[in-house]
Amino acid sequence: MARKDLLKSVMDPAAEKASDGGRTNYAMRGASKSMKVSIDSLAEDARRMVDGETIVEISPDIIDSSFVSDRLGVDDEAYQELKASIKSGQQDTPVLLRPHPDASGRFMVVFGHRRVRAATELGRMVRAVVKTMDDVAHILAQGHENTARADLSFIEKAVFARSLSEIGQPKDVIMSALTVDGTLLSRMMSVAQQIPRDIIDAVGPAKQIGRDRWEGFKKLMVAPANVKLAQQLVAEQSFSELQSDARFEHLLSKLTEKGQAVRKKAKRASPEKRTWTANGGRIKGVVGKSGKAFSVSLTSTDASAFGDYLAENLDGLYQAFLSQKQEKTK
């Protein structure tokens, strides 16, 4: 019997009997039948994996991160708890993967990056559901999963929104991914755009810092001097040793202190002023001096006429001033 006919007889129980007295049907009752069941099972598993209907185990070596990040740094305490939980038992909640759109044989994380990282460090396979999807579906699934778990902080959502905008995603997709309206999205984008990314990355997720405080911090970043100071502070070794929330508080405190010092300095440097009144109040003046500047402001009945007189006689008054000055130096 030809090879293709033998294979047909093994895989097809309805194949016609061979002239050898039914030995082909015997094969179907033996090892070949088991082989067919295994092949059918693998095919079904493959179909269900592609449809996202079953959990499979995949090596972390062939898993890549999402094309858009939704986290800032690593929450060490929470991550270590997750890793310890997986180490003591198993990865109870599967991650969601999609076949990599640009690399055959590889997968991309839709959500579950920390679980993938923990499995990698523990040398374990990643329990995952694999589902084919396009970029928009990927973004929506990633955003909804984090929103449902209330897992992302305000600044992480703001940076996520900015990242999606920068790769060309439309506003309605971003709003849907984050489950926010247009007004809140605009405020998120404003914060993420006004505060330099290197400062945001240095602060980290700041889980306890909400929208209002980040917006207050954003206003401080309008001044280039404050940006420069913040960048100097985040570069210090002591800054990196703080927890994320404490980093934000430290920056805000230092920038606020600087603002108060600037305001005090400005107040000390305010012009020296004195008032002058003559002729029973028919002429009043405020005389001010600040550095090399000197000003005279006249009010009341004779203000206009006296002002004209001063203007017309400024040359003579100045000459008289010089003469007096020379007399004092003799």
Protein backbone atom coordinates (compact mmCIF):
# COMPACT_ATOMS: atom_id res chain seq x y z
CA MET A 1 0.00 0.00 0.00
CA ALA A 2 1.30 3.44 -0.85
CA ARG A 3 2.39 5.72 2.03
CA LYS A 4 -0.43 8.23 1.47
CA ASP A 5 -2.99 5.43 1.47
CA LEU A 6 -1.56 3.99 4.67
CA LEU A 7 -1.77 7.39 6.36
CA LYS A 8 -5.30 7.78 5.08
CA SER A 9 -6.29 4.45 6.53
CA VAL A 10 -4.74 5.31 9.90
CA MET A 11 -6.41 8.71 10.15
CA ASP A 12 -9.75 7.79 8.54
CA PRO A 13 -11.76 5.02 10.24
CA ALA A 14 -14.11 4.97 7.26
CA ALA A 15 -11.37 3.96 4.84
CA GLU A 16 -12.09 0.86 2.79
CA LYS A 17 -10.79 -2.48 4.04
CA ALA A 18 -7.45 -3.60 2.73
CA SER A 19 -6.96 -6.90 0.93
CA ASP A 20 -4.88 -8.17 3.83
CA GLY A 21 -7.91 -9.37 5.75
CA GLY A 22 -8.57 -6.27 7.85
CA ARG A 23 -5.14 -5.65 9.33
CA THR A 24 -5.66 -1.93 8.63
CA ASN A 25 -8.66 -1.92 10.94
CA TYR A 26 -6.54 -3.63 13.54
CA ALA A 27 -4.12 -0.71 13.33
CA MET A 28 -6.97 1.64 14.16
CA ARG A 29 -7.65 -0.38 17.31
CA GLY A 30 -4.03 -0.25 18.43
CA ALA A 31 -1.23 2.31 18.64
CA SER A 32 -2.39 4.16 15.51
CA LYS A 33 -5.75 4.88 17.09
CA SER A 34 -3.98 6.41 20.10
CA MET A 35 -1.84 8.50 17.76
CA LYS A 36 -4.93 9.84 16.00
CA VAL A 37 -6.55 10.78 19.32
CA SER A 38 -3.37 12.62 20.35
CA ILE A 39 -3.20 14.51 17.04
CA ASP A 40 -6.85 15.47 17.29
CA SER A 41 -6.30 16.63 20.86
CA LEU A 42 -3.32 18.77 19.87
CA ALA A 43 -5.27 20.31 17.01
CA GLU A 44 -8.17 21.13 19.32
CA ASP A 45 -5.82 22.61 21.92
CA ALA A 46 -4.20 24.75 19.24
CA ARG A 47 -7.59 26.00 18.07
CA ARG A 48 -8.73 26.79 21.58
CA MET A 49 -5.42 28.52 22.38
CA VAL A 50 -5.77 30.77 19.35
CA ASP A 51 -9.37 31.51 20.33
CA GLY A 52 -8.30 32.35 23.87
CA GLU A 53 -10.39 29.57 25.37
CA THR A 54 -7.78 27.61 27.28
CA ILE A 55 -4.81 28.14 29.57
CA VAL A 56 -1.44 27.04 28.27
CA GLU A 57 2.11 27.12 29.60
CA ILE A 58 4.67 29.11 27.61
CA SER A 59 8.36 29.71 28.16
CA PRO A 60 9.08 33.31 29.23
CA ASP A 61 12.02 33.26 26.83
CA ILE A 62 9.65 33.76 23.90
CA ILE A 63 7.47 36.43 25.55
CA ASP A 64 8.01 40.14 24.89
CA SER A 65 6.59 43.16 26.71
CA SER A 66 3.60 45.14 25.46
CA PHE A 67 4.33 47.73 22.81
CA VAL A 68 3.08 50.42 25.23
CA SER A 69 4.01 50.53 28.92
CA ASP A 70 1.46 51.27 31.63
CA ARG A 71 3.73 51.13 34.67
CA LEU A 72 6.39 53.33 36.21
CA GLY A 73 9.25 51.46 37.81
CA VAL A 74 8.65 48.46 40.03
CA ASP A 75 6.58 48.43 43.19
CA ASP A 76 9.14 46.33 45.08
CA GLU A 77 6.99 45.39 48.06
CA ALA A 78 3.93 44.37 46.05
CA TYR A 79 6.06 42.58 43.48
CA GLN A 80 7.96 40.59 46.10
CA GLU A 81 4.64 39.51 47.63
CA LEU A 82 3.43 38.37 44.20
CA LYS A 83 6.65 36.49 43.53
CA ALA A 84 6.53 34.78 46.93
CA SER A 85 2.94 33.73 46.32
CA ILE A 86 3.82 32.20 42.94
CA LYS A 87 6.88 30.48 44.41
CA SER A 88 4.90 28.87 47.25
CA GLY A 89 2.10 27.64 45.02
CA GLN A 90 1.53 28.48 41.42
CA GLN A 91 0.56 31.36 39.18
CA ASP A 92 -3.18 31.29 39.92
CA THR A 93 -4.18 34.03 37.50
CA PRO A 94 -3.04 33.56 33.90
CA VAL A 95 -1.63 36.42 31.86
CA LEU A 96 -3.07 37.45 28.52
CA LEU A 97 -0.78 37.12 25.52
CA ARG A 98 -1.19 37.68 21.79
CA PRO A 99 0.90 36.19 19.00
CA HIS A 100 3.66 38.74 18.36
CA PRO A 101 2.59 40.88 15.39
CA ASP A 102 6.14 41.22 14.06
CA ALA A 103 8.03 38.12 15.25
CA SER A 104 6.91 34.66 14.27
CA GLY A 105 6.95 32.13 17.08
CA ARG A 106 6.96 34.77 19.83
CA PHE A 107 4.25 36.28 22.01
CA MET A 108 3.52 39.77 23.35
CA VAL A 109 2.12 40.54 26.79
CA VAL A 110 -1.26 42.25 26.78
CA PHE A 111 -1.44 42.29 30.58
CA GLY A 112 0.39 40.45 33.35
CA HIS A 113 3.94 41.81 33.01
CA ARG A 114 4.78 41.29 36.67
CA ARG A 115 3.61 37.67 36.58
CA VAL A 116 5.79 37.07 33.53
CA ARG A 117 8.74 38.67 35.29
CA ALA A 118 8.19 36.56 38.42
CA ALA A 119 7.96 33.35 36.36
CA THR A 120 11.18 34.31 34.57
CA GLU A 121 13.06 34.88 37.82
CA LEU A 122 11.70 31.64 39.31
CA GLY A 123 12.58 29.65 36.21
CA ARG A 124 8.98 28.62 35.59
CA MET A 125 6.69 28.44 32.62
CA VAL A 126 4.12 31.22 32.27
CA ARG A 127 0.47 30.21 32.54
CA ALA A 128 -1.31 32.22 29.87
CA VAL A 129 -4.32 32.65 27.68
CA VAL A 130 -3.34 33.43 24.09
CA LYS A 131 -5.68 35.40 21.90
CA THR A 132 -5.18 36.91 18.47
CA MET A 133 -6.01 40.63 18.48
CA ASP A 134 -5.07 43.90 16.81
CA ASP A 135 -3.41 46.88 18.50
CA VAL A 136 -6.66 48.62 19.45
CA ALA A 137 -8.08 45.49 21.08
CA HIS A 138 -4.72 45.05 22.84
CA ILE A 139 -4.85 48.60 24.23
CA LEU A 140 -8.44 48.25 25.39
CA ALA A 141 -7.79 44.92 27.11
CA GLN A 142 -4.65 46.24 28.78
CA GLY A 143 -6.36 49.41 29.98
CA HIS A 144 -9.55 47.72 31.16
CA GLU A 145 -7.71 45.04 33.11
CA ASN A 146 -5.72 47.62 35.07
CA THR A 147 -8.77 49.84 35.60
CA ALA A 148 -10.81 46.89 36.86
CA ARG A 149 -8.15 46.09 39.45
CA ALA A 150 -7.69 49.79 40.34
CA ASP A 151 -4.02 48.96 40.01
CA LEU A 152 -2.60 51.99 38.25
CA SER A 153 -1.96 55.30 40.01
CA PHE A 154 -3.04 58.62 38.54
CA ILE A 155 0.40 59.43 37.15
CA GLU A 156 0.73 55.97 35.57
CA LYS A 157 -2.59 56.44 33.81
CA ALA A 158 -1.51 59.91 32.69
CA VAL A 159 1.74 58.59 31.23
CA PHE A 160 -0.12 55.67 29.63
CA ALA A 161 -2.50 58.15 27.99
CA ARG A 162 0.39 60.26 26.71
CA SER A 163 2.18 57.18 25.34
CA LEU A 164 -0.92 56.07 23.47
CA SER A 165 -1.34 59.57 22.02
CA GLU A 166 2.29 59.67 20.91
CA ILE A 167 1.93 56.44 18.94
CA GLY A 168 -1.08 57.87 17.14
CA GLN A 169 -4.03 56.35 18.99
CA PRO A 170 -7.18 58.50 18.72
CA LYS A 171 -8.77 60.20 21.71
CA ASP A 172 -11.80 57.91 21.82
CA VAL A 173 -9.63 54.78 22.04
CA ILE A 174 -7.58 56.30 24.89
CA MET A 175 -10.73 57.34 26.78
CA SER A 176 -12.18 53.85 26.40
CA ALA A 177 -8.95 52.16 27.48
CA LEU A 178 -8.76 54.23 30.67
CA THR A 179 -12.53 54.52 31.21
CA VAL A 180 -12.37 58.32 31.52
CA ASP A 181 -14.20 61.22 29.90
CA GLY A 182 -12.68 63.90 27.70
CA THR A 183 -12.21 66.42 30.53
CA LEU A 184 -10.28 64.04 32.76
CA LEU A 185 -8.21 62.83 29.82
CA SER A 186 -7.22 66.42 29.02
CA ARG A 187 -6.11 66.96 32.62
CA MET A 188 -4.11 63.73 32.56
CA MET A 189 -2.42 64.70 29.32
CA SER A 190 -1.63 68.17 30.65
CA VAL A 191 0.13 66.74 33.70
CA ALA A 192 2.08 64.15 31.69
CA GLN A 193 3.16 66.74 29.11
CA GLN A 194 4.08 69.59 31.48
CA ILE A 195 6.18 67.54 33.90
CA PRO A 196 9.41 66.28 32.29
CA ARG A 197 9.36 62.50 31.84
CA ASP A 198 12.70 62.00 33.59
CA ILE A 199 11.26 63.55 36.75
CA ILE A 200 8.10 61.41 36.55
CA ASP A 201 10.19 58.25 36.06
CA ALA A 202 12.38 59.17 39.02
CA VAL A 203 9.36 59.66 41.29
CA GLY A 204 7.70 56.42 40.17
CA PRO A 205 4.05 55.32 40.53
CA ALA A 206 3.32 57.29 43.74
CA LYS A 207 0.23 55.20 44.49
CA GLN A 208 -1.10 57.53 47.19
CA ILE A 209 -0.68 60.78 45.24
CA GLY A 210 -3.87 61.81 43.47
CA ARG A 211 -4.79 64.06 40.58
CA ASP A 212 -5.06 67.36 42.49
CA ARG A 213 -1.59 67.12 43.97
CA TRP A 214 -0.02 66.19 40.64
CA GLU A 215 -1.76 69.18 39.06
CA GLY A 216 -0.32 71.40 41.78
CA PHE A 217 3.12 69.96 41.08
CA LYS A 218 2.58 70.58 37.37
CA LYS A 219 2.14 74.32 38.02
CA LEU A 220 5.54 74.42 39.70
CA MET A 221 7.11 72.93 36.58
CA VAL A 222 6.19 76.02 34.55
CA ALA A 223 9.27 77.74 35.99
CA PRO A 224 12.51 76.50 34.34
CA ALA A 225 14.37 77.10 37.62
CA ASN A 226 12.04 74.65 39.38
CA VAL A 227 12.59 72.04 36.68
CA LYS A 228 16.35 72.42 37.08
CA LEU A 229 16.11 72.08 40.86
CA ALA A 230 13.87 69.01 40.60
CA GLN A 231 16.32 67.33 38.21
CA GLN A 232 19.16 68.03 40.62
CA LEU A 233 17.20 66.55 43.52
CA VAL A 234 16.22 63.34 41.72
CA ALA A 235 19.87 62.75 40.82
CA GLU A 236 20.88 62.55 44.49
CA GLN A 237 21.55 59.11 45.97
CA SER A 238 19.37 59.83 48.99
CA PHE A 239 16.41 60.46 46.69
CA SER A 240 16.52 56.98 45.15
CA GLU A 241 16.48 55.44 48.63
CA LEU A 242 13.04 56.89 49.36
CA GLN A 243 9.75 55.15 48.61
CA SER A 244 7.85 56.50 45.62
CA ASP A 245 5.26 58.52 47.59
CA ALA A 246 8.03 59.97 49.75
CA ARG A 247 9.94 61.03 46.63
CA PHE A 248 6.98 63.09 45.48
CA GLU A 249 6.59 64.67 48.93
CA HIS A 250 10.31 65.47 49.06
CA LEU A 251 10.27 67.22 45.69
CA LEU A 252 7.12 69.16 46.48
CA SER A 253 8.51 70.25 49.84
CA LYS A 254 11.81 71.48 48.39
CA LEU A 255 10.16 73.34 45.51
CA THR A 256 7.65 74.94 47.87
CA GLU A 257 10.45 76.03 50.21
CA LYS A 258 12.26 77.60 47.29
CA GLY A 259 9.11 79.44 46.21
CA GLN A 260 8.63 80.83 49.70
CA ALA A 261 12.26 81.97 49.84
CA VAL A 262 11.92 83.72 46.48
CA ARG A 263 8.77 85.49 47.64
CA LYS A 264 10.47 86.63 50.86
CA LYS A 265 13.43 87.94 48.90
CA ALA A 266 11.14 89.81 46.57
CA LYS A 267 9.34 91.29 49.53
CA ARG A 268 12.61 92.46 51.11
CA ALA A 269 13.65 94.01 47.80
CA SER A 270 10.39 95.93 47.40
CA PRO A 271 10.82 99.68 46.70
CA GLU A 272 11.36 102.04 49.64
CA LYS A 273 8.46 104.47 49.61
CA ARG A 274 7.57 107.66 51.46
CA THR A 275 4.76 110.12 51.10
CA TRP A 276 4.95 113.91 50.74
CA THR A 277 2.18 116.48 51.21
CA ALA A 278 2.24 120.28 50.83
CA ASN A 279 -0.04 123.34 50.80
CA GLY A 280 -2.68 121.81 53.02
CA GLY A 281 -3.06 118.71 50.88
CA ARG A 282 -3.39 120.47 47.50
CA ILE A 283 -0.42 118.40 46.34
CA LYS A 284 0.47 114.89 47.44
CA GLY A 285 3.23 112.63 46.29
CA VAL A 286 4.60 109.11 46.75
CA VAL A 287 8.34 108.87 46.35
CA GLY A 288 9.81 105.39 45.74
CA LYS A 289 13.33 104.02 45.37
CA SER A 290 14.37 100.52 44.27
CA GLY A 291 18.00 99.92 43.41
CA LYS A 292 18.97 102.53 40.83
CA ALA A 293 15.37 103.40 40.03
CA PHE A 294 13.54 106.38 41.57
CA SER A 295 9.91 107.34 41.04
CA VAL A 296 7.61 110.21 41.96
CA SER A 297 3.85 109.90 41.75
CA LEU A 298 1.72 113.04 42.26
CA THR A 299 -1.95 113.29 43.15
CA SER A 300 -4.56 115.82 44.33
CA THR A 301 -5.51 119.30 43.08
CA ASP A 302 -2.16 120.73 41.96
CA ALA A 303 -0.71 117.42 40.77
CA SER A 304 -1.06 118.06 37.03
CA ALA A 305 0.19 121.65 37.08
CA PHE A 306 3.10 120.87 39.39
CA GLY A 307 4.01 117.87 37.27
CA ASP A 308 4.20 120.10 34.19
CA TYR A 309 6.39 122.54 36.11
CA LEU A 310 8.78 119.79 37.14
CA ALA A 311 9.00 118.50 33.59
CA GLU A 312 9.79 121.96 32.20
CA ASN A 313 12.49 122.60 34.79
CA LEU A 314 14.18 119.21 34.91
CA ASP A 315 17.32 120.49 33.13
CA GLY A 316 17.70 123.35 35.58
CA LEU A 317 17.02 121.15 38.58
CA TYR A 318 19.62 118.66 37.40
CA GLN A 319 22.25 121.40 36.95
CA ALA A 320 21.49 122.67 40.43
CA PHE A 321 21.94 119.10 41.72
CA LEU A 322 25.34 118.81 40.03
CA SER A 323 26.50 122.17 41.40
CA GLN A 324 25.49 121.16 44.92
CA LYS A 325 27.27 117.83 44.47
CA GLN A 326 30.48 119.57 43.42
CA GLU A 327 30.32 121.95 46.39
CA LYS A 328 30.08 118.98 48.77
CA THR A 329 33.18 117.33 47.32
CA LYS A 330 35.41 120.45 47.80
